[in-house]
N, C-alpha and C. Protein backbone atom coordinates (compact mmCIF):
# COMPACT_ATOMS: atom_id res chain seq x y z
N MET A 1 0.84 -1.21 0.00
CA MET A 1 0.03 0.03 -0.05
C MET A 1 0.87 1.21 -0.08
N SER A 2 0.63 2.14 -0.91
CA SER A 2 1.54 3.37 -0.89
C SER A 2 0.83 4.50 -0.19
N VAL A 3 1.68 5.39 0.22
CA VAL A 3 1.25 6.55 0.91
C VAL A 3 1.72 7.73 0.21
N ASP A 4 0.88 8.61 -0.09
CA ASP A 4 1.40 9.99 -0.80
C ASP A 4 1.70 10.99 0.33
N VAL A 5 2.72 11.64 0.27
CA VAL A 5 3.18 12.88 0.94
C VAL A 5 2.81 13.99 0.22
N THR A 6 1.91 14.80 0.84
CA THR A 6 1.45 16.04 0.02
C THR A 6 1.88 17.34 0.66
N ALA A 7 1.90 18.34 -0.13
CA ALA A 7 2.27 19.68 0.37
C ALA A 7 1.03 20.27 1.22
N PRO A 8 1.36 20.81 2.37
CA PRO A 8 0.27 21.25 3.29
C PRO A 8 -0.04 22.79 2.84
N MET A 9 0.77 23.45 2.04
CA MET A 9 0.59 24.79 1.58
C MET A 9 1.28 25.03 0.33
N SER A 10 1.02 26.10 -0.38
CA SER A 10 1.79 26.37 -1.56
C SER A 10 3.13 26.77 -1.24
N GLY A 11 4.17 26.76 -2.10
CA GLY A 11 5.47 27.13 -1.77
C GLY A 11 6.45 26.59 -2.75
N SER A 12 7.63 26.53 -2.41
CA SER A 12 8.70 25.97 -3.35
C SER A 12 9.62 24.97 -2.54
N ILE A 13 10.13 23.93 -3.22
CA ILE A 13 10.96 22.95 -2.59
C ILE A 13 12.37 23.54 -2.43
N TRP A 14 12.75 23.55 -1.23
CA TRP A 14 14.02 24.17 -0.87
C TRP A 14 15.05 23.17 -0.77
N LYS A 15 14.89 22.01 -0.18
CA LYS A 15 15.88 20.88 -0.01
C LYS A 15 15.23 19.54 0.12
N ILE A 16 15.70 18.57 -0.62
CA ILE A 16 15.16 17.24 -0.49
C ILE A 16 16.34 16.39 0.25
N HIS A 17 15.84 15.62 1.35
CA HIS A 17 16.67 14.95 2.35
C HIS A 17 16.71 13.43 1.94
N VAL A 18 15.83 12.96 1.01
CA VAL A 18 15.87 11.53 0.84
C VAL A 18 16.11 11.17 -0.63
N SER A 19 16.24 9.96 -0.87
CA SER A 19 16.31 9.46 -2.40
C SER A 19 15.55 8.17 -2.50
N VAL A 20 15.22 7.90 -3.83
CA VAL A 20 14.34 6.76 -4.17
C VAL A 20 15.13 5.52 -3.69
N GLY A 21 14.35 4.63 -3.01
CA GLY A 21 14.92 3.42 -2.53
C GLY A 21 15.36 3.41 -1.01
N GLU A 22 15.38 4.63 -0.55
CA GLU A 22 15.61 4.81 0.88
C GLU A 22 14.54 4.43 1.88
N ASP A 23 14.90 3.65 3.02
CA ASP A 23 13.91 3.42 4.04
C ASP A 23 13.78 4.65 4.85
N VAL A 24 12.66 4.88 5.29
CA VAL A 24 12.43 6.05 6.16
C VAL A 24 11.55 5.57 7.42
N ALA A 25 11.70 6.13 8.50
CA ALA A 25 10.78 5.94 9.64
C ALA A 25 9.80 7.00 9.87
N GLU A 26 8.68 6.71 10.59
CA GLU A 26 7.72 7.79 10.85
C GLU A 26 8.46 8.85 11.57
N ASP A 27 8.04 10.27 10.94
CA ASP A 27 8.59 11.40 11.56
C ASP A 27 10.03 11.81 10.98
N ASP A 28 10.56 11.00 10.08
CA ASP A 28 11.86 11.40 9.51
C ASP A 28 11.59 12.58 8.52
N GLU A 29 12.51 13.55 8.59
CA GLU A 29 12.28 14.71 7.68
C GLU A 29 12.59 14.28 6.37
N LEU A 30 11.70 14.60 5.40
CA LEU A 30 11.85 14.12 3.93
C LEU A 30 12.41 15.32 3.10
N LEU A 31 11.82 16.53 3.42
CA LEU A 31 12.22 17.67 2.54
C LEU A 31 11.78 18.94 3.33
N ILE A 32 12.21 20.04 2.80
CA ILE A 32 11.96 21.32 3.28
C ILE A 32 11.13 22.07 2.32
N LEU A 33 9.99 22.65 2.60
CA LEU A 33 9.09 23.38 1.74
C LEU A 33 9.24 24.75 2.44
N GLU A 34 9.63 25.68 1.35
CA GLU A 34 9.78 27.09 1.76
C GLU A 34 8.35 27.78 1.34
N ALA A 35 7.76 28.32 2.37
CA ALA A 35 6.61 29.09 2.15
C ALA A 35 6.42 30.26 3.21
N LEU A 36 5.92 31.41 2.64
CA LEU A 36 5.73 32.44 3.54
C LEU A 36 7.07 32.82 4.24
N LYS A 37 8.11 32.73 3.49
CA LYS A 37 9.52 33.20 3.84
C LYS A 37 9.97 32.27 5.17
N MET A 38 9.27 31.08 5.34
CA MET A 38 9.72 30.30 6.28
C MET A 38 10.05 28.87 5.78
N GLU A 39 10.91 28.09 6.46
CA GLU A 39 11.30 26.75 6.03
C GLU A 39 10.38 25.82 6.94
N ASN A 40 9.62 25.12 6.21
CA ASN A 40 8.60 24.22 6.69
C ASN A 40 9.07 22.70 6.45
N PRO A 41 9.56 21.96 7.41
CA PRO A 41 9.93 20.57 7.26
C PRO A 41 8.78 19.74 7.00
N ILE A 42 8.86 18.81 6.04
CA ILE A 42 7.83 17.77 5.72
C ILE A 42 8.34 16.42 6.22
N TYR A 43 7.51 15.81 7.09
CA TYR A 43 7.81 14.59 7.73
C TYR A 43 7.28 13.42 7.14
N ALA A 44 7.79 12.25 7.32
CA ALA A 44 7.16 11.04 6.82
C ALA A 44 5.97 10.67 7.75
N PRO A 45 4.89 10.38 7.23
CA PRO A 45 3.67 10.21 8.01
C PRO A 45 3.66 8.74 8.56
N SER A 46 4.66 7.85 8.04
CA SER A 46 4.65 6.55 8.63
C SER A 46 6.01 5.81 7.96
N ASP A 47 6.29 4.68 8.66
CA ASP A 47 7.46 3.96 8.25
C ASP A 47 7.27 3.51 6.69
N GLY A 48 8.42 3.40 5.99
CA GLY A 48 8.24 3.04 4.57
C GLY A 48 9.50 3.19 3.72
N LYS A 49 9.36 2.97 2.43
CA LYS A 49 10.48 3.17 1.51
C LYS A 49 10.03 4.13 0.52
N VAL A 50 10.94 5.02 0.26
CA VAL A 50 10.67 5.98 -0.92
C VAL A 50 10.69 5.42 -2.22
N VAL A 51 9.45 5.34 -2.96
CA VAL A 51 9.38 4.81 -4.20
C VAL A 51 9.39 5.73 -5.33
N GLU A 52 8.95 7.05 -5.15
CA GLU A 52 8.96 8.06 -6.04
C GLU A 52 9.13 9.47 -5.38
N ILE A 53 9.92 10.19 -6.04
CA ILE A 53 10.00 11.64 -5.68
C ILE A 53 9.48 12.47 -6.91
N LYS A 54 8.33 13.10 -6.66
CA LYS A 54 7.64 13.84 -7.76
C LYS A 54 8.07 15.30 -8.04
N VAL A 55 9.07 15.73 -7.12
CA VAL A 55 9.41 17.18 -7.14
C VAL A 55 10.99 17.17 -7.20
N LYS A 56 11.58 18.30 -7.58
CA LYS A 56 12.97 18.44 -7.52
C LYS A 56 13.09 19.95 -6.83
N GLU A 57 14.28 20.13 -6.37
CA GLU A 57 14.57 21.36 -5.57
C GLU A 57 14.25 22.60 -6.43
N GLU A 58 13.75 23.61 -5.87
CA GLU A 58 13.23 24.86 -6.59
C GLU A 58 11.99 24.77 -7.26
N ASP A 59 11.33 23.50 -7.34
CA ASP A 59 9.95 23.35 -7.92
C ASP A 59 9.05 24.20 -7.18
N LYS A 60 7.94 24.85 -7.72
CA LYS A 60 6.81 25.46 -7.06
C LYS A 60 5.80 24.38 -7.10
N VAL A 61 5.19 24.31 -5.86
CA VAL A 61 4.11 23.38 -5.44
C VAL A 61 2.79 24.10 -5.00
N GLU A 62 1.79 23.49 -5.12
CA GLU A 62 0.44 24.03 -4.69
C GLU A 62 -0.04 23.11 -3.55
N THR A 63 -0.97 23.53 -2.67
CA THR A 63 -1.48 22.82 -1.48
C THR A 63 -1.97 21.55 -2.09
N ASN A 64 -1.73 20.43 -1.47
CA ASN A 64 -2.18 19.08 -1.71
C ASN A 64 -1.53 18.43 -3.04
N ASP A 65 -0.42 19.01 -3.60
CA ASP A 65 0.35 18.42 -4.57
C ASP A 65 1.13 17.29 -3.83
N VAL A 66 1.20 16.19 -4.68
CA VAL A 66 1.96 14.95 -4.10
C VAL A 66 3.50 15.27 -4.33
N LEU A 67 4.19 15.15 -3.19
CA LEU A 67 5.62 15.30 -3.33
C LEU A 67 6.46 14.12 -3.26
N ILE A 68 6.07 13.20 -2.54
CA ILE A 68 6.84 11.91 -2.34
C ILE A 68 5.84 10.84 -2.14
N VAL A 69 6.04 9.60 -2.73
CA VAL A 69 5.31 8.46 -2.63
C VAL A 69 6.14 7.40 -1.70
N LEU A 70 5.51 6.95 -0.59
CA LEU A 70 6.24 5.92 0.29
C LEU A 70 5.40 4.60 0.00
N GLU A 71 6.04 3.53 0.26
CA GLU A 71 5.51 2.16 0.17
C GLU A 71 5.86 1.44 1.35
């Protein structure tokens, strides 16, 4: 079962901390979303493996856009 990690708000991707194939634990920091001149860390909602990263650094995203897919 896959889990989509989505953007909680509009902004831009500042830094990605994981790569495809990497195992992550719940609450691991996956990436930093820059919004409203603040750095907002995005955390893993559950344990899993990164199967897809749908964004790259400096991409602009909207609320609820899928950023990373975990399995």
